[in-house]
Amino acid sequence: MIPGSLDTGEPRSVWCAFRAFRGWIKRYFWLWIAYQTIKGIATTTVIWAPLVYMYLHN
């Protein structure tokens, strides 16, 4: 067995879980913003721009 890999049996508090969640949000918030930006640019370029072009030049 790997030392420290098992739960120690100590109860975890809600506050500790909240602090861990807050740390996770701080770490991944800007990554999520970058993902949404890239996804929006790709959707606009691949789907909406050709549809608008075909609609206006038909």
Protein backbone atom coordinates (compact mmCIF):
# COMPACT_ATOMS: atom_id res chain seq x y z
CA MET A 1 0.00 0.00 0.00
CA ILE A 2 1.05 3.55 -0.62
CA PRO A 3 1.44 5.53 2.61
CA GLY A 4 -1.09 8.33 2.89
CA SER A 5 -3.31 6.89 0.17
CA LEU A 6 -6.02 5.75 2.55
CA ASP A 7 -8.47 8.02 4.29
CA THR A 8 -7.32 8.79 7.82
CA GLY A 9 -10.85 8.64 9.14
CA GLU A 10 -10.82 12.24 10.29
CA PRO A 11 -14.07 14.03 9.50
CA ARG A 12 -13.75 16.80 6.95
CA SER A 13 -15.56 20.00 7.61
CA VAL A 14 -17.83 21.79 5.19
CA TRP A 15 -15.59 24.84 5.45
CA CYS A 16 -12.57 22.82 4.30
CA ALA A 17 -14.51 21.53 1.31
CA PHE A 18 -15.66 25.08 0.49
CA ARG A 19 -12.07 26.37 0.58
CA ALA A 20 -10.96 23.57 -1.73
CA PHE A 21 -13.81 24.38 -4.13
CA ARG A 22 -12.90 28.07 -4.05
CA GLY A 23 -9.29 27.20 -4.89
CA TRP A 24 -10.49 25.07 -7.79
CA ILE A 25 -12.58 27.96 -9.13
CA LYS A 26 -9.64 30.36 -8.94
CA ARG A 27 -7.44 27.89 -10.78
CA TYR A 28 -9.77 27.04 -13.62
CA PHE A 29 -11.87 30.19 -14.12
CA TRP A 30 -9.62 31.79 -16.74
CA LEU A 31 -9.16 28.45 -18.49
CA TRP A 32 -12.96 28.23 -18.78
CA ILE A 33 -13.12 31.82 -20.14
CA ALA A 34 -10.47 30.99 -22.76
CA TYR A 35 -12.35 27.82 -23.76
CA GLN A 36 -15.62 29.70 -24.19
CA THR A 37 -13.88 32.40 -26.26
CA ILE A 38 -12.27 29.88 -28.60
CA LYS A 39 -15.53 27.94 -28.89
CA GLY A 40 -17.44 31.13 -29.73
CA ILE A 41 -14.92 32.21 -32.37
CA ALA A 42 -14.95 28.75 -33.95
CA THR A 43 -18.76 28.58 -34.00
CA THR A 44 -19.03 32.05 -35.49
CA THR A 45 -16.44 31.32 -38.15
CA VAL A 46 -17.61 27.86 -39.15
CA ILE A 47 -21.40 28.15 -38.79
CA TRP A 48 -22.78 31.68 -38.50
CA ALA A 49 -20.54 33.59 -40.91
CA PRO A 50 -21.26 31.23 -43.85
CA LEU A 51 -25.00 31.27 -43.06
CA VAL A 52 -25.11 35.06 -43.01
CA TYR A 53 -23.04 35.24 -46.19
CA MET A 54 -25.36 32.81 -48.01
CA TYR A 55 -28.43 34.66 -46.77
CA LEU A 56 -27.18 38.08 -47.84
CA HIS A 57 -25.80 36.99 -51.23
CA ASN A 58 -28.68 34.89 -52.42
